[in-house]
Amino acid sequence: MQKLAFDQVRATDAPFEAAINAAFTELAAAESAASIAKGQLEIAQQRVNELRQAIQHMARLLPSDRRISIFGLLNNLRDINEPVTRGGVVYDNVVTLLRRSPKEKWNPSEIQEELQNRGIKADTKAIANILGYLAKNKMLRRVARGQYVLQDGSGIISAELDGMEDGTSRASEHD
């Protein structure tokens, strides 16, 4: 009797095993396609970065008013395919606000208020940490306690900070 019950279970498992095998085959194909797409994306991102750098270098040779206009156009294009960074949603929103705003001087409360006006909730301490991080990396300049200005006046925040390559965590930073 024992053997019969085992055979019945095995017979009922056959469709599931076939489905599992089919899923493994499809998984392998999807992983292969993802790997190819990832390679293509990396090539495209490298070309985008090269073109952005070329535009930035050339724009620096222009008069100030024209340079700021070019940097503004460049910032607007950047937002099209901007990935979420390891810095998190608050970091990304602060950087985007600083990029798009013509305002030159900011403090954490003003940024929090502006983000709230846009429907984004953010803690003032987290914003202060982000501003401190950007100042430490010379993207902003601290002019007084809690007061920051854009470093070069162009409104540009470098793509180098978008990925937070040093692995710094927003939660671990302190003023």
C-alpha atoms as a PDB file:
ATOM      1  CA  MET A   1       0.000   0.000   0.000  1.00  0.00           C
ATOM      2  CA  GLN A   2       2.782   2.356   0.869  1.00  0.00           C
ATOM      3  CA  LYS A   3       4.301   2.101  -2.616  1.00  0.00           C
ATOM      4  CA  LEU A   4       0.973   2.804  -4.308  1.00  0.00           C
ATOM      5  CA  ALA A   5       0.502   6.045  -2.361  1.00  0.00           C
ATOM      6  CA  PHE A   6       4.046   7.107  -3.280  1.00  0.00           C
ATOM      7  CA  ASP A   7       3.428   6.375  -6.974  1.00  0.00           C
ATOM      8  CA  GLN A   8       0.213   8.395  -6.898  1.00  0.00           C
ATOM      9  CA  VAL A   9       2.007  11.391  -5.398  1.00  0.00           C
ATOM     10  CA  ARG A  10       4.747  11.153  -8.023  1.00  0.00           C
ATOM     11  CA  ALA A  11       2.172  10.969 -10.816  1.00  0.00           C
ATOM     12  CA  THR A  12       0.463  14.109  -9.565  1.00  0.00           C
ATOM     13  CA  ASP A  13       3.825  15.896  -9.250  1.00  0.00           C
ATOM     14  CA  ALA A  14       4.661  15.404 -12.946  1.00  0.00           C
ATOM     15  CA  PRO A  15       2.773  18.490 -14.190  1.00  0.00           C
ATOM     16  CA  PHE A  16       4.405  20.598 -11.475  1.00  0.00           C
ATOM     17  CA  GLU A  17       7.856  19.296 -12.343  1.00  0.00           C
ATOM     18  CA  ALA A  18       7.238  20.077 -16.007  1.00  0.00           C
ATOM     19  CA  ALA A  19       6.116  23.572 -15.065  1.00  0.00           C
ATOM     20  CA  ILE A  20       9.181  24.034 -12.852  1.00  0.00           C
ATOM     21  CA  ASN A  21      11.466  22.896 -15.676  1.00  0.00           C
ATOM     22  CA  ALA A  22       9.754  25.265 -18.088  1.00  0.00           C
ATOM     23  CA  ALA A  23      10.116  28.097 -15.560  1.00  0.00           C
ATOM     24  CA  PHE A  24      13.858  27.334 -15.189  1.00  0.00           C
ATOM     25  CA  THR A  25      14.261  27.450 -18.968  1.00  0.00           C
ATOM     26  CA  GLU A  26      12.421  30.765 -19.139  1.00  0.00           C
ATOM     27  CA  LEU A  27      14.455  32.094 -16.192  1.00  0.00           C
ATOM     28  CA  ALA A  28      17.721  31.273 -17.970  1.00  0.00           C
ATOM     29  CA  ALA A  29      16.513  33.055 -21.117  1.00  0.00           C
ATOM     30  CA  ALA A  30      15.393  36.105 -19.100  1.00  0.00           C
ATOM     31  CA  GLU A  31      18.735  36.260 -17.261  1.00  0.00           C
ATOM     32  CA  SER A  32      20.558  36.108 -20.589  1.00  0.00           C
ATOM     33  CA  ALA A  33      18.396  38.898 -22.022  1.00  0.00           C
ATOM     34  CA  ALA A  34      18.918  40.976 -18.868  1.00  0.00           C
ATOM     35  CA  SER A  35      22.672  40.515 -19.106  1.00  0.00           C
ATOM     36  CA  ILE A  36      22.690  41.675 -22.734  1.00  0.00           C
ATOM     37  CA  ALA A  37      20.458  44.650 -21.884  1.00  0.00           C
ATOM     38  CA  LYS A  38      22.677  45.564 -18.941  1.00  0.00           C
ATOM     39  CA  GLY A  39      25.724  45.608 -21.214  1.00  0.00           C
ATOM     40  CA  GLN A  40      23.917  47.797 -23.738  1.00  0.00           C
ATOM     41  CA  LEU A  41      22.745  50.119 -20.968  1.00  0.00           C
ATOM     42  CA  GLU A  42      26.284  50.476 -19.610  1.00  0.00           C
ATOM     43  CA  ILE A  43      27.570  51.381 -23.079  1.00  0.00           C
ATOM     44  CA  ALA A  44      24.778  53.938 -23.549  1.00  0.00           C
ATOM     45  CA  GLN A  45      25.352  55.430 -20.073  1.00  0.00           C
ATOM     46  CA  GLN A  46      29.066  55.751 -20.768  1.00  0.00           C
ATOM     47  CA  ARG A  47      28.314  57.620 -24.002  1.00  0.00           C
ATOM     48  CA  VAL A  48      25.814  59.878 -22.207  1.00  0.00           C
ATOM     49  CA  ASN A  49      28.439  60.700 -19.555  1.00  0.00           C
ATOM     50  CA  GLU A  50      31.065  61.417 -22.225  1.00  0.00           C
ATOM     51  CA  LEU A  51      28.696  63.789 -24.049  1.00  0.00           C
ATOM     52  CA  ARG A  52      27.673  65.544 -20.821  1.00  0.00           C
ATOM     53  CA  GLN A  53      31.312  66.087 -19.889  1.00  0.00           C
ATOM     54  CA  ALA A  54      32.090  67.416 -23.355  1.00  0.00           C
ATOM     55  CA  ILE A  55      29.173  69.854 -23.150  1.00  0.00           C
ATOM     56  CA  GLN A  56      30.236  70.975 -19.666  1.00  0.00           C
ATOM     57  CA  HIS A  57      33.837  71.558 -20.768  1.00  0.00           C
ATOM     58  CA  MET A  58      32.778  73.520 -23.838  1.00  0.00           C
ATOM     59  CA  ALA A  59      30.168  75.519 -21.921  1.00  0.00           C
ATOM     60  CA  ARG A  60      32.790  76.651 -19.397  1.00  0.00           C
ATOM     61  CA  LEU A  61      34.424  78.587 -22.241  1.00  0.00           C
ATOM     62  CA  LEU A  62      31.255  80.620 -22.865  1.00  0.00           C
ATOM     63  CA  PRO A  63      30.277  83.886 -21.187  1.00  0.00           C
ATOM     64  CA  SER A  64      28.623  83.470 -17.783  1.00  0.00           C
ATOM     65  CA  ASP A  65      25.023  84.152 -18.868  1.00  0.00           C
ATOM     66  CA  ARG A  66      25.200  81.703 -21.767  1.00  0.00           C
ATOM     67  CA  ARG A  67      27.028  79.093 -19.642  1.00  0.00           C
ATOM     68  CA  ILE A  68      24.268  79.151 -17.019  1.00  0.00           C
ATOM     69  CA  SER A  69      21.669  78.690 -19.753  1.00  0.00           C
ATOM     70  CA  ILE A  70      23.545  75.689 -21.188  1.00  0.00           C
ATOM     71  CA  PHE A  71      23.953  74.139 -17.730  1.00  0.00           C
ATOM     72  CA  GLY A  72      20.221  74.600 -17.141  1.00  0.00           C
ATOM     73  CA  LEU A  73      19.416  72.732 -20.351  1.00  0.00           C
ATOM     74  CA  LEU A  74      21.843  70.000 -19.399  1.00  0.00           C
ATOM     75  CA  ASN A  75      20.219  69.605 -15.974  1.00  0.00           C
ATOM     76  CA  ASN A  76      16.753  69.317 -17.490  1.00  0.00           C
ATOM     77  CA  LEU A  77      17.954  66.542 -19.801  1.00  0.00           C
ATOM     78  CA  ARG A  78      19.593  64.674 -16.937  1.00  0.00           C
ATOM     79  CA  ASP A  79      16.268  64.151 -15.178  1.00  0.00           C
ATOM     80  CA  ILE A  80      14.845  62.077 -18.035  1.00  0.00           C
ATOM     81  CA  ASN A  81      16.621  58.820 -17.154  1.00  0.00           C
ATOM     82  CA  GLU A  82      17.964  59.559 -13.712  1.00  0.00           C
ATOM     83  CA  PRO A  83      18.114  56.400 -11.611  1.00  0.00           C
ATOM     84  CA  VAL A  84      17.355  56.339  -7.919  1.00  0.00           C
ATOM     85  CA  THR A  85      20.672  56.568  -6.114  1.00  0.00           C
ATOM     86  CA  ARG A  86      21.936  54.749  -3.080  1.00  0.00           C
ATOM     87  CA  GLY A  87      21.421  58.053  -1.268  1.00  0.00           C
ATOM     88  CA  GLY A  88      17.702  57.405  -1.203  1.00  0.00           C
ATOM     89  CA  VAL A  89      14.572  59.251  -2.173  1.00  0.00           C
ATOM     90  CA  VAL A  90      15.158  62.286   0.076  1.00  0.00           C
ATOM     91  CA  TYR A  91      18.687  62.736  -1.283  1.00  0.00           C
ATOM     92  CA  ASP A  92      17.419  62.496  -4.865  1.00  0.00           C
ATOM     93  CA  ASN A  93      14.652  65.024  -4.199  1.00  0.00           C
ATOM     94  CA  VAL A  94      17.039  67.504  -2.551  1.00  0.00           C
ATOM     95  CA  VAL A  95      19.529  67.229  -5.416  1.00  0.00           C
ATOM     96  CA  THR A  96      16.752  67.638  -7.993  1.00  0.00           C
ATOM     97  CA  LEU A  97      15.419  70.699  -6.158  1.00  0.00           C
ATOM     98  CA  LEU A  98      18.864  72.292  -6.022  1.00  0.00           C
ATOM     99  CA  ARG A  99      19.424  71.560  -9.721  1.00  0.00           C
ATOM    100  CA  ARG A 100      16.162  73.030 -10.887  1.00  0.00           C
ATOM    101  CA  SER A 101      15.849  76.027  -8.607  1.00  0.00           C
ATOM    102  CA  PRO A 102      17.233  79.421  -9.518  1.00  0.00           C
ATOM    103  CA  LYS A 103      17.580  80.179  -5.796  1.00  0.00           C
ATOM    104  CA  GLU A 104      21.196  80.377  -4.712  1.00  0.00           C
ATOM    105  CA  LYS A 105      21.047  80.200  -0.904  1.00  0.00           C
ATOM    106  CA  TRP A 106      19.317  77.412   1.010  1.00  0.00           C
ATOM    107  CA  ASN A 107      18.818  76.101   4.526  1.00  0.00           C
ATOM    108  CA  PRO A 108      17.272  72.771   5.580  1.00  0.00           C
ATOM    109  CA  SER A 109      13.949  74.306   6.648  1.00  0.00           C
ATOM    110  CA  GLU A 110      13.507  76.064   3.303  1.00  0.00           C
ATOM    111  CA  ILE A 111      14.231  72.859   1.441  1.00  0.00           C
ATOM    112  CA  GLN A 112      11.822  70.920   3.654  1.00  0.00           C
ATOM    113  CA  GLU A 113       9.105  73.509   3.013  1.00  0.00           C
ATOM    114  CA  GLU A 114       9.707  73.468  -0.745  1.00  0.00           C
ATOM    115  CA  LEU A 115       9.619  69.667  -0.829  1.00  0.00           C
ATOM    116  CA  GLN A 116       6.399  69.686   1.231  1.00  0.00           C
ATOM    117  CA  ASN A 117       4.871  72.101  -1.290  1.00  0.00           C
ATOM    118  CA  ARG A 118       5.640  69.451  -3.909  1.00  0.00           C
ATOM    119  CA  GLY A 119       4.028  66.711  -1.818  1.00  0.00           C
ATOM    120  CA  ILE A 120       7.279  65.171  -0.600  1.00  0.00           C
ATOM    121  CA  LYS A 121       7.808  64.503   3.097  1.00  0.00           C
ATOM    122  CA  ALA A 122      11.358  64.842   4.375  1.00  0.00           C
ATOM    123  CA  ASP A 123      12.924  65.135   7.805  1.00  0.00           C
ATOM    124  CA  THR A 124      14.883  68.360   8.440  1.00  0.00           C
ATOM    125  CA  LYS A 125      17.769  66.402   9.982  1.00  0.00           C
ATOM    126  CA  ALA A 126      18.060  64.193   6.888  1.00  0.00           C
ATOM    127  CA  ILE A 127      18.090  67.318   4.705  1.00  0.00           C
ATOM    128  CA  ALA A 128      20.773  68.909   6.903  1.00  0.00           C
ATOM    129  CA  ASN A 129      22.866  65.740   6.548  1.00  0.00           C
ATOM    130  CA  ILE A 130      22.488  65.831   2.776  1.00  0.00           C
ATOM    131  CA  LEU A 131      23.507  69.482   2.623  1.00  0.00           C
ATOM    132  CA  GLY A 132      26.515  68.708   4.819  1.00  0.00           C
ATOM    133  CA  TYR A 133      27.479  65.846   2.532  1.00  0.00           C
ATOM    134  CA  LEU A 134      27.186  68.047  -0.574  1.00  0.00           C
ATOM    135  CA  ALA A 135      29.273  70.753   1.126  1.00  0.00           C
ATOM    136  CA  LYS A 136      31.895  68.210   2.190  1.00  0.00           C
ATOM    137  CA  ASN A 137      32.149  67.142  -1.456  1.00  0.00           C
ATOM    138  CA  LYS A 138      32.407  70.764  -2.605  1.00  0.00           C
ATOM    139  CA  MET A 139      29.096  70.871  -4.464  1.00  0.00           C
ATOM    140  CA  LEU A 140      27.726  73.405  -2.003  1.00  0.00           C
ATOM    141  CA  ARG A 141      29.512  75.918   0.151  1.00  0.00           C
ATOM    142  CA  ARG A 142      28.521  76.438   3.767  1.00  0.00           C
ATOM    143  CA  VAL A 143      28.323  80.199   4.387  1.00  0.00           C
ATOM    144  CA  ALA A 144      26.872  80.074   7.907  1.00  0.00           C
ATOM    145  CA  ARG A 145      25.444  77.488  10.240  1.00  0.00           C
ATOM    146  CA  GLY A 146      22.734  75.735   8.239  1.00  0.00           C
ATOM    147  CA  GLN A 147      23.157  78.091   5.257  1.00  0.00           C
ATOM    148  CA  TYR A 148      24.471  76.788   1.947  1.00  0.00           C
ATOM    149  CA  VAL A 149      25.054  78.236  -1.512  1.00  0.00           C
ATOM    150  CA  LEU A 150      25.754  76.490  -4.792  1.00  0.00           C
ATOM    151  CA  GLN A 151      29.498  76.219  -5.200  1.00  0.00           C
ATOM    152  CA  ASP A 152      29.965  77.736  -8.667  1.00  0.00           C
ATOM    153  CA  GLY A 153      26.713  79.640  -9.010  1.00  0.00           C
ATOM    154  CA  SER A 154      25.740  77.618 -12.085  1.00  0.00           C
ATOM    155  CA  GLY A 155      23.120  75.516 -10.348  1.00  0.00           C
ATOM    156  CA  ILE A 156      24.982  72.368 -11.313  1.00  0.00           C
ATOM    157  CA  ILE A 157      25.234  69.466  -8.988  1.00  0.00           C
ATOM    158  CA  SER A 158      27.608  66.961 -10.467  1.00  0.00           C
ATOM    159  CA  ALA A 159      26.541  63.520 -11.621  1.00  0.00           C
ATOM    160  CA  GLU A 160      29.491  62.228  -9.582  1.00  0.00           C
ATOM    161  CA  LEU A 161      27.444  62.641  -6.412  1.00  0.00           C
ATOM    162  CA  ASP A 162      24.362  60.985  -7.826  1.00  0.00           C
ATOM    163  CA  GLY A 163      25.720  57.500  -7.235  1.00  0.00           C
ATOM    164  CA  MET A 164      27.334  58.317  -3.890  1.00  0.00           C
ATOM    165  CA  GLU A 165      30.328  56.250  -4.940  1.00  0.00           C
ATOM    166  CA  ASP A 166      31.899  56.357  -1.488  1.00  0.00           C
ATOM    167  CA  GLY A 167      29.049  54.226  -0.121  1.00  0.00           C
ATOM    168  CA  THR A 168      28.078  56.850   2.435  1.00  0.00           C
ATOM    169  CA  SER A 169      24.694  56.238   3.947  1.00  0.00           C
ATOM    170  CA  ARG A 170      22.391  59.144   4.678  1.00  0.00           C
ATOM    171  CA  ALA A 171      21.482  57.611   8.032  1.00  0.00           C
ATOM    172  CA  SER A 172      25.105  57.364   9.150  1.00  0.00           C
ATOM    173  CA  GLU A 173      26.120  60.941   8.473  1.00  0.00           C
ATOM    174  CA  HIS A 174      26.289  63.610  11.102  1.00  0.00           C
ATOM    175  CA  ASP A 175      26.744  67.393  10.933  1.00  0.00           C
END
